[in-house]
Amino acid sequence: MFKIQIRQLEKQFVKQHQYVDVLENISIDIKKGEFVCLLGPSGCGKTTLLRILAGLEKPSLGDISIQHENKQNPLQSMVFQESGVIPWMTVEENVSFGLKMRHMPTDYIHEQTNHYLEKVGLRRFRKLYPKELSGGMKQRVSIARAFANNPEILLMDEPFAALDEQNKFILQEELLSIWQETEKTVLFITHSIDEALLLSDRILLMSAQPGKIIEDLPIQMQRPRSIEQVRASEDMTNTFLNIWEHLHREVKHARSANH
């Protein structure tokens, strides 16, 4: 069963009285429970596509269908690159915010909040405020809040891009652990080929602007997988090099088009 279906989606923006094509003829099917990474050069429209799925932008053309199986749950939650935590709320209040806004039962809010604080290693920091947290801890709060709210799909826009390598690897492992437990459908934007190979069931490679899906790469490596296993695998190394060459071509194409 497909959770997300996109057909011939296009998006244009008006800049300086001219139409600029951002997305062109995007057609995607994403299965329920699938972890899909979007990978492409800067400015190719990845974030715009996620914002359209989140209902924050409207497409210029095309159709989007998202199966909303449980109407009691929100359709989607979005985790951004920059921390989305609310500065005047504690860690605990941030994680429970979506549930409280939906007026869920107090016992359920308490149970979900405790569970996801535990999953991301923040239980003993529950009474702290964001100003007392590191960047990695703030992103943990954002991830816990998104999963605690129990959305049908999770949209993630480079949530680990600003973190150091060590924190990034830890959060990737935590994210995979929660995803495997919840079986959520995830669409994840990244610029990191390593990250895409580690996390995804499929990688959708995008062209330079206007963004098109150039290739749909299934990742066959069994789960659970570690970054060490990814880097030691000959098949994954070959996939890495193919993606690297694709991105290099697209960046060169984008530069030549702008001159």
Protein backbone atom coordinates (compact mmCIF):
# COMPACT_ATOMS: atom_id res chain seq x y z
CA MET A 1 0.00 0.00 0.00
CA PHE A 2 1.34 3.42 -0.93
CA LYS A 3 1.30 5.97 1.88
CA ILE A 4 2.34 8.90 -0.34
CA GLN A 5 1.61 9.27 -4.05
CA ILE A 6 2.78 12.29 -6.03
CA ARG A 7 1.86 12.70 -9.69
CA GLN A 8 3.43 15.21 -12.12
CA LEU A 9 3.97 17.80 -9.44
CA GLU A 10 5.41 21.16 -10.50
CA LYS A 11 6.21 24.31 -8.57
CA GLN A 12 6.97 27.80 -9.81
CA PHE A 13 7.88 30.90 -7.84
CA VAL A 14 7.76 34.49 -9.03
CA LYS A 15 11.10 36.27 -8.60
CA GLN A 16 11.67 39.79 -9.91
CA HIS A 17 8.51 39.57 -12.05
CA GLN A 18 9.64 36.30 -13.67
CA TYR A 19 8.48 32.74 -13.21
CA VAL A 20 11.19 30.41 -11.87
CA ASP A 21 10.67 26.65 -12.21
CA VAL A 22 11.66 24.99 -8.93
CA LEU A 23 10.18 21.48 -9.30
CA GLU A 24 9.41 19.74 -12.57
CA ASN A 25 7.31 16.62 -13.21
CA ILE A 26 7.83 14.97 -9.80
CA SER A 27 6.12 11.57 -9.58
CA ILE A 28 6.82 9.41 -6.52
CA ASP A 29 5.25 6.43 -4.75
CA ILE A 30 6.29 5.83 -1.14
CA LYS A 31 5.12 2.73 0.71
CA LYS A 32 3.77 2.72 4.23
CA GLY A 33 6.65 2.44 6.71
CA GLU A 34 9.33 3.24 4.13
CA PHE A 35 12.34 5.43 4.95
CA VAL A 36 13.14 7.48 1.84
CA CYS A 37 15.99 9.99 1.50
CA LEU A 38 15.97 12.90 -0.95
CA LEU A 39 19.45 13.75 -2.15
CA GLY A 40 20.40 16.48 -4.60
CA PRO A 41 22.46 19.65 -5.08
CA SER A 42 21.66 22.80 -3.11
CA GLY A 43 18.71 24.72 -4.50
CA CYS A 44 17.16 21.74 -6.31
CA GLY A 45 13.82 22.08 -4.53
CA LYS A 46 14.10 19.36 -1.87
CA THR A 47 12.83 21.59 0.93
CA THR A 48 10.08 23.01 -1.30
CA LEU A 49 8.85 19.46 -1.95
CA LEU A 50 8.78 18.72 1.78
CA ARG A 51 6.95 22.00 2.48
CA ILE A 52 4.32 21.08 -0.11
CA LEU A 53 3.80 17.70 1.57
CA ALA A 54 3.54 19.49 4.93
CA GLY A 55 0.86 21.81 3.56
CA LEU A 56 3.10 24.89 3.96
CA GLU A 57 3.27 25.50 0.18
CA LYS A 58 0.83 24.81 -2.63
CA PRO A 59 1.94 23.05 -5.83
CA SER A 60 1.57 24.93 -9.11
CA LEU A 61 0.46 21.72 -10.88
CA GLY A 62 0.03 18.04 -10.08
CA ASP A 63 -1.62 15.82 -7.50
CA ILE A 64 -0.62 14.64 -4.02
CA SER A 65 -2.31 11.84 -2.11
CA ILE A 66 -1.41 10.91 1.47
CA GLN A 67 -3.32 8.02 3.04
CA HIS A 68 -4.66 9.26 6.37
CA GLU A 69 -5.58 5.99 8.05
CA ASN A 70 -6.19 7.15 11.62
CA LYS A 71 -7.97 10.50 11.61
CA GLN A 72 -7.22 10.93 15.34
CA ASN A 73 -3.52 11.28 14.49
CA PRO A 74 -2.01 14.31 12.74
CA LEU A 75 -1.22 13.71 9.08
CA GLN A 76 2.41 14.80 9.39
CA SER A 77 5.08 16.27 11.65
CA MET A 78 8.10 18.15 10.33
CA VAL A 79 11.59 18.35 11.85
CA PHE A 80 13.69 21.23 10.52
CA GLN A 81 17.44 21.73 10.17
CA GLU A 82 17.47 24.46 12.77
CA SER A 83 16.14 23.63 16.20
CA GLY A 84 12.36 24.05 16.40
CA VAL A 85 12.12 23.91 20.18
CA ILE A 86 10.03 26.50 22.02
CA PRO A 87 12.48 28.51 24.19
CA TRP A 88 10.14 29.27 27.12
CA MET A 89 9.14 25.62 27.58
CA THR A 90 11.09 22.88 29.34
CA VAL A 91 12.25 19.76 27.51
CA GLU A 92 9.23 17.87 28.88
CA GLU A 93 6.79 20.63 27.88
CA ASN A 94 8.26 20.78 24.37
CA VAL A 95 7.89 17.03 23.83
CA SER A 96 4.29 16.99 25.11
CA PHE A 97 3.26 20.19 23.29
CA GLY A 98 1.59 18.58 20.26
CA LEU A 99 -0.32 16.11 22.41
CA LYS A 100 -1.60 18.86 24.69
CA MET A 101 -2.69 20.94 21.69
CA ARG A 102 -4.75 17.93 20.56
CA HIS A 103 -6.29 17.66 24.07
CA MET A 104 -5.17 14.05 24.50
CA PRO A 105 -5.83 12.31 27.86
CA THR A 106 -3.38 13.29 30.60
CA ASP A 107 -2.24 9.69 31.22
CA TYR A 108 -1.53 9.20 27.50
CA ILE A 109 0.44 12.46 27.31
CA HIS A 110 2.50 11.42 30.34
CA GLU A 111 3.14 7.93 28.94
CA GLN A 112 4.14 9.11 25.44
CA THR A 113 6.32 11.92 26.76
CA ASN A 114 8.18 9.63 29.16
CA HIS A 115 8.63 6.97 26.49
CA TYR A 116 10.23 9.30 23.93
CA LEU A 117 12.30 11.19 26.50
CA GLU A 118 13.72 7.80 27.41
CA LYS A 119 14.27 6.83 23.75
CA VAL A 120 16.36 9.95 23.03
CA GLY A 121 18.20 9.92 26.36
CA LEU A 122 16.69 13.11 27.79
CA ARG A 123 14.68 11.83 30.75
CA ARG A 124 17.02 13.32 33.37
CA PHE A 125 17.07 16.64 31.49
CA ARG A 126 13.28 16.95 31.33
CA LYS A 127 13.08 20.11 33.51
CA LEU A 128 15.78 22.04 31.62
CA TYR A 129 15.06 24.88 29.17
CA PRO A 130 16.46 25.00 25.60
CA LYS A 131 19.05 27.66 26.53
CA GLU A 132 20.59 25.06 28.87
CA LEU A 133 20.91 22.43 26.11
CA SER A 134 23.50 21.71 23.43
CA GLY A 135 22.55 21.70 19.73
CA GLY A 136 22.39 17.91 19.68
CA MET A 137 20.10 17.82 22.71
CA LYS A 138 17.76 20.36 21.11
CA GLN A 139 17.46 18.16 18.03
CA ARG A 140 16.71 15.21 20.31
CA VAL A 141 13.83 17.25 21.73
CA SER A 142 12.54 17.98 18.20
CA ILE A 143 12.68 14.30 17.23
CA ALA A 144 11.01 13.15 20.47
CA ARG A 145 8.22 15.72 20.03
CA ALA A 146 7.62 14.67 16.41
CA PHE A 147 7.32 10.95 17.24
CA ALA A 148 5.37 11.53 20.47
CA ASN A 149 2.68 13.35 18.49
CA ASN A 150 2.23 10.09 16.51
CA PRO A 151 1.91 11.51 12.96
CA GLU A 152 1.06 9.41 9.93
CA ILE A 153 4.22 10.57 8.14
CA LEU A 154 7.41 12.25 9.31
CA LEU A 155 9.11 14.92 7.18
CA MET A 156 12.72 15.71 8.11
CA ASP A 157 14.73 18.53 6.54
CA GLU A 158 18.45 17.96 7.24
CA PRO A 159 17.85 17.62 10.99
CA PHE A 160 21.47 16.66 11.75
CA ALA A 161 23.30 18.98 9.33
CA ALA A 162 24.52 21.42 11.98
CA LEU A 163 25.82 18.74 14.37
CA ASP A 164 29.35 17.41 14.81
CA GLU A 165 30.08 13.91 13.47
CA GLN A 166 29.87 12.16 16.84
CA ASN A 167 26.48 13.66 17.74
CA LYS A 168 25.24 13.03 14.22
CA PHE A 169 26.02 9.29 14.39
CA ILE A 170 24.38 8.96 17.82
CA LEU A 171 21.19 10.71 16.67
CA GLN A 172 21.07 8.69 13.44
CA GLU A 173 21.13 5.49 15.50
CA GLU A 174 18.44 6.82 17.84
CA LEU A 175 16.28 7.88 14.91
CA LEU A 176 16.58 4.43 13.29
CA SER A 177 15.73 2.72 16.58
CA ILE A 178 12.55 4.80 17.00
CA TRP A 179 11.61 4.42 13.32
CA GLN A 180 11.93 0.63 13.45
CA GLU A 181 9.76 0.56 16.57
CA THR A 182 7.04 2.86 15.21
CA GLU A 183 7.16 1.88 11.49
CA LYS A 184 6.45 5.48 10.47
CA THR A 185 6.75 6.60 6.87
CA VAL A 186 9.71 8.99 6.68
CA LEU A 187 10.82 11.37 3.95
CA PHE A 188 14.27 12.70 4.88
CA ILE A 189 16.34 15.41 3.18
CA THR A 190 20.11 15.21 3.40
CA HIS A 191 23.24 16.44 1.63
CA SER A 192 25.28 13.58 3.13
CA ILE A 193 25.67 10.46 0.98
CA ASP A 194 26.85 8.47 4.03
CA GLU A 195 23.74 9.51 5.94
CA ALA A 196 21.43 8.52 3.07
CA LEU A 197 23.12 5.10 2.72
CA LEU A 198 22.90 4.46 6.46
CA LEU A 199 19.28 5.51 6.95
CA SER A 200 17.25 4.80 3.86
CA ASP A 201 15.34 2.04 2.15
CA ARG A 202 15.50 4.13 -1.04
CA ILE A 203 17.39 7.20 -2.19
CA LEU A 204 15.71 9.58 -4.64
CA LEU A 205 18.38 11.48 -6.57
CA MET A 206 17.33 14.93 -7.77
CA SER A 207 18.69 17.11 -10.56
CA ALA A 208 19.76 20.72 -10.25
CA GLN A 209 16.98 23.31 -10.50
CA PRO A 210 14.36 22.74 -11.71
CA GLY A 211 14.39 19.68 -9.47
CA LYS A 212 13.45 16.38 -11.12
CA ILE A 213 13.80 12.81 -9.84
CA ILE A 214 16.73 11.48 -11.87
CA GLU A 215 17.12 8.08 -10.23
CA ASP A 216 15.37 5.91 -7.65
CA LEU A 217 18.00 3.80 -5.85
CA PRO A 218 16.88 0.94 -3.58
CA ILE A 219 19.35 0.20 -0.77
CA GLN A 220 19.63 -3.56 -0.40
CA MET A 221 21.88 -3.75 2.66
CA GLN A 222 20.16 -5.53 5.54
CA ARG A 223 19.15 -3.74 8.72
CA PRO A 224 20.30 -3.03 11.32
CA ARG A 225 23.32 -1.47 9.65
CA SER A 226 26.08 0.71 11.07
CA ILE A 227 28.15 3.41 9.41
CA GLU A 228 31.18 1.09 9.73
CA GLN A 229 29.33 -1.64 7.80
CA VAL A 230 28.21 0.86 5.16
CA ARG A 231 31.77 2.08 4.61
CA ALA A 232 33.21 -1.46 4.55
CA SER A 233 30.74 -2.76 1.94
CA GLU A 234 31.96 -2.88 -1.67
CA ASP A 235 28.40 -2.53 -3.02
CA MET A 236 27.75 0.52 -0.84
CA THR A 237 31.09 2.04 -1.87
CA ASN A 238 30.11 1.69 -5.53
CA THR A 239 26.71 3.25 -4.79
CA PHE A 240 28.45 6.08 -2.93
CA LEU A 241 30.70 6.78 -5.92
CA ASN A 242 27.77 6.72 -8.37
CA ILE A 243 25.85 9.22 -6.22
CA TRP A 244 28.98 11.39 -5.83
CA GLU A 245 29.45 11.52 -9.61
CA HIS A 246 25.77 12.39 -10.08
CA LEU A 247 25.96 15.27 -7.58
CA HIS A 248 29.22 16.52 -9.12
CA ARG A 249 27.63 16.56 -12.60
CA GLU A 250 24.54 18.35 -11.36
CA VAL A 251 26.53 21.01 -9.48
CA LYS A 252 28.65 21.67 -12.60
CA HIS A 253 25.49 21.81 -14.72
CA ALA A 254 23.89 24.30 -12.32
CA ARG A 255 26.99 26.53 -12.38
CA SER A 256 27.24 26.52 -16.17
CA ALA A 257 23.51 27.32 -16.46
CA ASN A 258 23.99 30.37 -14.24
CA HIS A 259 26.82 31.85 -16.34
